[in-house]
Amino acid sequence: MTTEHGIGRVEGDQIALLASPYPDLGAVVEATGSLACLDGCAETRRVPAAGTRLLAPLGRPRAMWGVGLNYRSKAAQAGRDLPTEPILYLAASSALLSPDAEVPFPAGATEQLDYEGEIAVVIGRRLHRAAPDDVWPAVAGITAANDMTARDVMKRTATPTLAKSFPGCNPLGPSVCTPDELADADAIPVRTWVNDELRQDDSSAGMIFTIPDLVSRISWYAALEPGDVVLTGTPAGTGQDLGRFLAPGDRIRIEVGPVLPLVTTVGDPS
C-alpha cells in the first residue's frame, strides 16, 4: 500500500514501511513491470495500521479503462441480453480518491449517485494485440474500486466518461495484492456493503468477459501500458437495481479477494 510515510507492506495490524525510492506503487509498476522488487526492500520502521493515512495506492494512472454490463447477474437483473462485445470507456484520472476518504456529493449535477464494487486490474507489462493467455503473466496486481456512477447523467448524456468522472468518484485501494496471492484467479470475490447492509455479493466467475478475455480485447484496440488500470465491471445489487441511490452520510465498504476493504463516505454537496 501507499501511505503518508511512503510504500508499506501490510502485516497484521501494522504496516512495515519499506526503503523504496518510488513514491507509490504505480511508479514501481511503471518502472519495473511488477511489485516484485519490493520484496528485497529493507524495512525502515513500523507504524500502526489504525490511524495511518492511506493514499491512492497507484498514484494517478495514465489510463483507467472501464467496462459496462460485465456480470451475468447484472444483465439478468436489468433484463438485458448478454453483450457480444464489451462496452468500454475511459474514466478521468482526476476522479481518483484515496481510501477512507470522503467524496463530495456532486450537487446540481446528479440526483442518482450510485456505487459499483469492482475488481481493478493493474497492468504490469505492455500489452498490444495480446492473447488471453498472455494477460495474467502481464498483471502486476489487483485492487478494489468503487466506480461511482451518476445514473441520471449516464441516461441524459449517454456518455459513461461524464457519468463516472466527477472529482473523487473513483475510489481505489487501499492495498494491492499480487496474482500469486489469489486463492482462485478465476473466481475473485467482490462484495459491497452500504451502511453495513450487504448489497453486492458475486465473484469474477460471474463475468461475461473474463479478466483475460476483457484485457485481451482492449489490447486489440489500444496498447495497455505498465501502471494502467482496468476496471472489470460490477455485479447485480447496485443502487440502480434496487432504486436506492447514495446520499450524504452513506458509507460504502468494498471487499475484493485478499485486498484490504475499500471504505468511502459520501460527504456534503460540493
Protein backbone atom coordinates (compact mmCIF):
# COMPACT_ATOMS: atom_id res chain seq x y z
CA MET A 1 0.00 0.00 0.00
CA THR A 2 0.96 3.64 -0.31
CA THR A 3 0.84 5.63 2.94
CA GLU A 4 1.58 9.17 4.04
CA HIS A 5 5.01 7.82 5.08
CA GLY A 6 5.74 6.01 1.79
CA ILE A 7 5.25 2.48 0.50
CA GLY A 8 4.47 -0.19 3.08
CA ARG A 9 3.63 -3.85 3.44
CA VAL A 10 0.59 -4.92 5.48
CA GLU A 11 1.49 -7.22 8.35
CA GLY A 12 -1.42 -7.84 10.70
CA ASP A 13 -2.36 -4.61 12.44
CA GLN A 14 0.88 -2.93 11.43
CA ILE A 15 2.41 -1.51 8.28
CA ALA A 16 6.07 -2.24 7.61
CA LEU A 17 7.46 0.81 5.82
CA LEU A 18 9.95 -0.04 3.07
CA ALA A 19 13.11 1.69 1.89
CA SER A 20 11.83 2.16 -1.65
CA PRO A 21 12.89 5.00 -3.96
CA TYR A 22 9.43 5.15 -5.50
CA PRO A 23 6.64 7.47 -4.28
CA ASP A 24 3.78 4.99 -4.84
CA LEU A 25 3.00 1.54 -6.21
CA GLY A 26 2.07 2.93 -9.61
CA ALA A 27 5.58 4.31 -10.00
CA VAL A 28 7.01 0.90 -9.02
CA VAL A 29 4.96 -0.84 -11.69
CA GLU A 30 5.77 1.73 -14.38
CA ALA A 31 9.49 1.43 -13.68
CA THR A 32 9.84 -2.32 -13.11
CA GLY A 33 6.72 -4.02 -14.51
CA SER A 34 5.73 -5.65 -11.23
CA LEU A 35 5.82 -5.28 -7.45
CA ALA A 36 8.46 -7.99 -7.03
CA CYS A 37 11.30 -5.54 -6.38
CA LEU A 38 9.64 -4.54 -3.10
CA ASP A 39 10.33 -8.00 -1.69
CA GLY A 40 14.00 -7.07 -1.39
CA CYS A 41 13.46 -3.64 0.18
CA ALA A 42 14.69 -3.19 3.73
CA GLU A 43 12.15 -2.35 6.42
CA THR A 44 12.73 1.12 7.88
CA ARG A 45 10.16 1.09 10.67
CA ARG A 46 6.66 0.01 11.56
CA VAL A 47 3.56 2.08 12.12
CA PRO A 48 0.10 1.03 13.33
CA ALA A 49 -2.35 0.42 10.51
CA ALA A 50 -5.04 2.21 12.50
CA GLY A 51 -4.53 5.94 12.26
CA THR A 52 -2.06 5.87 9.37
CA ARG A 53 -3.34 7.90 6.45
CA LEU A 54 -3.50 5.87 3.25
CA LEU A 55 -3.09 7.33 -0.21
CA ALA A 56 -4.40 6.14 -3.56
CA PRO A 57 -2.04 3.17 -3.94
CA LEU A 58 -1.21 3.68 -7.63
CA GLY A 59 -0.82 7.45 -7.63
CA ARG A 60 -2.59 8.75 -10.71
CA PRO A 61 -2.63 6.14 -13.51
CA ARG A 62 -2.27 7.41 -17.06
CA ALA A 63 -5.25 5.37 -18.25
CA MET A 64 -8.24 3.89 -16.44
CA TRP A 65 -10.40 1.62 -18.58
CA GLY A 66 -13.87 0.54 -17.56
CA VAL A 67 -16.50 -1.84 -18.90
CA GLY A 68 -20.27 -1.74 -18.65
CA LEU A 69 -22.53 -4.77 -18.13
CA ASN A 70 -19.91 -7.44 -17.50
CA TYR A 71 -21.71 -9.68 -14.98
CA ARG A 72 -24.43 -12.16 -15.84
CA SER A 73 -26.23 -11.27 -12.60
CA LYS A 74 -26.37 -7.60 -13.60
CA ALA A 75 -27.69 -8.41 -17.07
CA ALA A 76 -30.34 -10.71 -15.59
CA GLN A 77 -31.36 -8.04 -13.05
CA ALA A 78 -31.73 -5.47 -15.84
CA GLY A 79 -33.48 -7.90 -18.20
CA ARG A 80 -30.87 -7.32 -20.89
CA ASP A 81 -29.28 -9.69 -23.37
CA LEU A 82 -25.63 -10.55 -22.81
CA PRO A 83 -23.39 -8.29 -24.90
CA THR A 84 -21.26 -9.89 -27.59
CA GLU A 85 -18.61 -7.17 -27.30
CA PRO A 86 -17.55 -5.35 -24.11
CA ILE A 87 -18.96 -1.85 -23.60
CA LEU A 88 -15.75 0.10 -22.98
CA TYR A 89 -14.94 3.62 -21.79
CA LEU A 90 -12.12 5.67 -20.26
CA ALA A 91 -12.59 7.44 -16.92
CA ALA A 92 -10.77 10.62 -15.95
CA SER A 93 -7.89 10.01 -13.54
CA SER A 94 -8.93 13.21 -11.75
CA ALA A 95 -11.84 11.18 -10.35
CA LEU A 96 -9.44 9.12 -8.18
CA LEU A 97 -9.93 9.21 -4.43
CA SER A 98 -7.77 7.89 -1.63
CA PRO A 99 -9.05 5.11 0.67
CA ASP A 100 -11.05 6.02 3.78
CA ALA A 101 -11.80 9.42 2.26
CA GLU A 102 -14.96 11.44 1.78
CA VAL A 103 -16.33 12.05 -1.70
CA PRO A 104 -18.23 15.34 -2.10
CA PHE A 105 -21.72 14.76 -3.44
CA PRO A 106 -21.84 16.44 -6.88
CA ALA A 107 -24.92 18.52 -6.15
CA GLY A 108 -26.64 20.18 -9.08
CA ALA A 109 -25.20 17.59 -11.45
CA THR A 110 -26.89 14.39 -10.25
CA GLU A 111 -29.62 13.08 -8.01
CA GLN A 112 -28.74 9.44 -8.67
CA LEU A 113 -25.19 8.85 -7.43
CA ASP A 114 -24.54 5.10 -7.36
CA TYR A 115 -21.86 2.73 -6.05
CA GLU A 116 -20.21 -0.04 -8.08
CA GLY A 117 -17.93 -2.52 -6.32
CA GLU A 118 -15.35 -3.77 -8.81
CA ILE A 119 -12.13 -5.72 -9.25
CA ALA A 120 -9.43 -3.42 -10.61
CA VAL A 121 -6.56 -4.98 -12.59
CA VAL A 122 -3.16 -3.27 -12.62
CA ILE A 123 -1.21 -3.81 -15.85
CA GLY A 124 2.49 -4.58 -15.33
CA ARG A 125 3.76 -5.24 -18.83
CA ARG A 126 2.81 -3.61 -22.13
CA LEU A 127 0.03 -5.47 -23.87
CA HIS A 128 -0.85 -4.92 -27.50
CA ARG A 129 -2.85 -7.42 -29.51
CA ALA A 130 -2.39 -9.86 -26.66
CA ALA A 131 -3.95 -13.31 -26.44
CA PRO A 132 -5.95 -14.12 -23.29
CA ASP A 133 -3.18 -16.49 -22.16
CA ASP A 134 -0.77 -13.54 -22.18
CA VAL A 135 -2.80 -11.48 -19.71
CA TRP A 136 -2.26 -12.92 -16.21
CA PRO A 137 1.54 -13.10 -16.66
CA ALA A 138 1.43 -9.38 -17.52
CA VAL A 139 -0.70 -8.36 -14.50
CA ALA A 140 1.15 -6.67 -11.63
CA GLY A 141 -1.73 -6.94 -9.17
CA ILE A 142 -5.36 -6.31 -8.35
CA THR A 143 -7.08 -3.88 -6.04
CA ALA A 144 -10.60 -2.76 -5.15
CA ALA A 145 -12.52 0.01 -6.88
CA ASN A 146 -15.74 1.89 -6.31
CA ASP A 147 -16.64 3.00 -9.83
CA MET A 148 -19.26 5.51 -8.73
CA THR A 149 -21.75 6.48 -11.41
CA ALA A 150 -24.27 9.29 -11.81
CA ARG A 151 -27.08 7.26 -13.37
CA ASP A 152 -29.13 10.28 -14.47
CA VAL A 153 -26.07 11.80 -16.14
CA MET A 154 -25.49 8.49 -17.92
CA LYS A 155 -29.06 8.50 -19.20
CA ARG A 156 -29.01 12.17 -20.15
CA THR A 157 -25.65 12.19 -21.97
CA ALA A 158 -25.20 8.52 -22.99
CA THR A 159 -21.53 9.09 -22.10
CA PRO A 160 -20.08 6.83 -19.37
CA THR A 161 -16.96 9.00 -19.03
CA LEU A 162 -19.05 12.00 -17.94
CA ALA A 163 -21.18 9.94 -15.57
CA LYS A 164 -18.11 8.48 -13.84
CA SER A 165 -15.58 11.33 -13.76
CA PHE A 166 -16.77 13.70 -11.03
CA PRO A 167 -13.90 14.56 -8.65
CA GLY A 168 -13.44 11.84 -6.05
CA CYS A 169 -15.95 9.47 -7.61
CA ASN A 170 -13.45 6.69 -8.32
CA PRO A 171 -12.00 5.48 -5.01
CA LEU A 172 -9.23 2.89 -5.43
CA GLY A 173 -7.35 0.71 -2.94
CA PRO A 174 -6.38 0.58 -0.22
CA SER A 175 -3.89 -2.24 -0.88
CA VAL A 176 -2.71 -4.09 -3.98
CA CYS A 177 -2.25 -7.86 -3.98
CA THR A 178 -0.15 -9.77 -6.49
CA PRO A 179 -1.73 -12.53 -8.62
CA ASP A 180 0.04 -15.28 -6.65
CA GLU A 181 -1.90 -14.20 -3.55
CA LEU A 182 -5.26 -15.04 -5.17
CA ALA A 183 -6.86 -18.26 -3.98
CA ASP A 184 -8.57 -18.65 -7.37
CA ALA A 185 -7.86 -16.13 -10.13
CA ASP A 186 -11.00 -17.32 -11.96
CA ALA A 187 -13.31 -16.63 -9.01
CA ILE A 188 -12.18 -13.49 -7.19
CA PRO A 189 -14.86 -12.46 -4.66
CA VAL A 190 -16.33 -8.95 -4.78
CA ARG A 191 -18.75 -7.70 -2.12
CA THR A 192 -20.23 -4.29 -1.35
CA TRP A 193 -21.86 -3.03 1.83
CA VAL A 194 -23.75 0.26 2.16
CA ASN A 195 -24.20 1.35 5.77
CA ASP A 196 -23.40 -2.27 6.86
CA GLU A 197 -26.06 -3.74 4.54
CA LEU A 198 -24.68 -6.28 2.06
CA ARG A 199 -25.77 -5.13 -1.39
CA GLN A 200 -23.44 -6.96 -3.83
CA ASP A 201 -22.02 -10.48 -3.47
CA ASP A 202 -20.50 -12.18 -6.51
CA SER A 203 -17.16 -13.23 -7.96
CA SER A 204 -15.28 -12.90 -11.23
CA ALA A 205 -16.63 -16.34 -12.12
CA GLY A 206 -19.87 -14.47 -12.93
CA MET A 207 -18.27 -12.23 -15.53
CA ILE A 208 -19.47 -12.23 -19.12
CA PHE A 209 -15.96 -11.37 -20.35
CA THR A 210 -13.36 -12.91 -18.05
CA ILE A 211 -10.38 -10.83 -16.95
CA PRO A 212 -8.02 -12.41 -19.54
CA ASP A 213 -10.63 -12.07 -22.29
CA LEU A 214 -11.54 -8.49 -21.38
CA VAL A 215 -7.96 -7.23 -21.15
CA SER A 216 -7.03 -9.05 -24.36
CA ARG A 217 -9.94 -7.44 -26.22
CA ILE A 218 -8.98 -3.94 -25.05
CA SER A 219 -5.38 -4.55 -26.15
CA TRP A 220 -6.51 -5.14 -29.74
CA TYR A 221 -7.74 -1.55 -29.90
CA ALA A 222 -5.30 0.23 -27.58
CA ALA A 223 -1.90 -0.61 -26.15
CA LEU A 224 -2.08 -1.12 -22.39
CA GLU A 225 0.98 0.25 -20.62
CA PRO A 226 2.53 -0.56 -17.21
CA GLY A 227 0.53 1.14 -14.47
CA ASP A 228 -2.71 1.32 -16.48
CA VAL A 229 -5.81 0.14 -14.63
CA VAL A 230 -8.73 -1.88 -15.98
CA LEU A 231 -11.97 -1.80 -14.00
CA THR A 232 -13.75 -5.06 -14.77
CA GLY A 233 -17.44 -4.32 -14.19
CA THR A 234 -19.88 -4.61 -11.32
CA PRO A 235 -22.37 -7.35 -10.33
CA ALA A 236 -26.06 -7.00 -9.50
CA GLY A 237 -27.09 -5.13 -6.39
CA THR A 238 -26.25 -1.55 -7.32
CA GLY A 239 -28.49 1.32 -6.30
CA GLN A 240 -29.81 1.33 -9.85
CA ASP A 241 -31.01 -2.24 -9.38
CA LEU A 242 -32.61 -1.52 -6.01
CA GLY A 243 -33.87 2.01 -6.66
CA ARG A 244 -31.78 3.23 -3.71
CA PHE A 245 -29.17 5.83 -4.58
CA LEU A 246 -26.47 7.31 -2.36
CA ALA A 247 -26.96 10.31 -0.09
CA PRO A 248 -24.62 12.36 2.13
CA GLY A 249 -23.55 10.32 5.13
CA ASP A 250 -23.70 6.93 3.41
CA ARG A 251 -20.70 4.67 3.98
CA ILE A 252 -19.65 2.20 1.26
CA ARG A 253 -17.34 -0.75 2.00
CA ILE A 254 -15.99 -2.90 -0.84
CA GLU A 255 -14.06 -6.14 -0.43
CA VAL A 256 -12.16 -7.76 -3.30
CA GLY A 257 -10.31 -11.02 -2.69
CA PRO A 258 -7.44 -10.59 -0.20
CA VAL A 259 -7.26 -6.80 -0.75
CA LEU A 260 -7.97 -4.74 2.37
CA PRO A 261 -11.52 -3.26 2.43
CA LEU A 262 -12.05 -0.04 0.49
CA VAL A 263 -14.18 2.36 2.54
CA THR A 264 -15.66 5.60 1.23
CA THR A 265 -18.10 8.04 2.82
CA VAL A 266 -20.40 10.33 0.85
CA GLY A 267 -19.88 13.89 2.03
CA ASP A 268 -21.93 17.04 1.84
CA PRO A 269 -22.82 18.51 -1.55
CA SER A 270 -19.90 20.10 -3.38
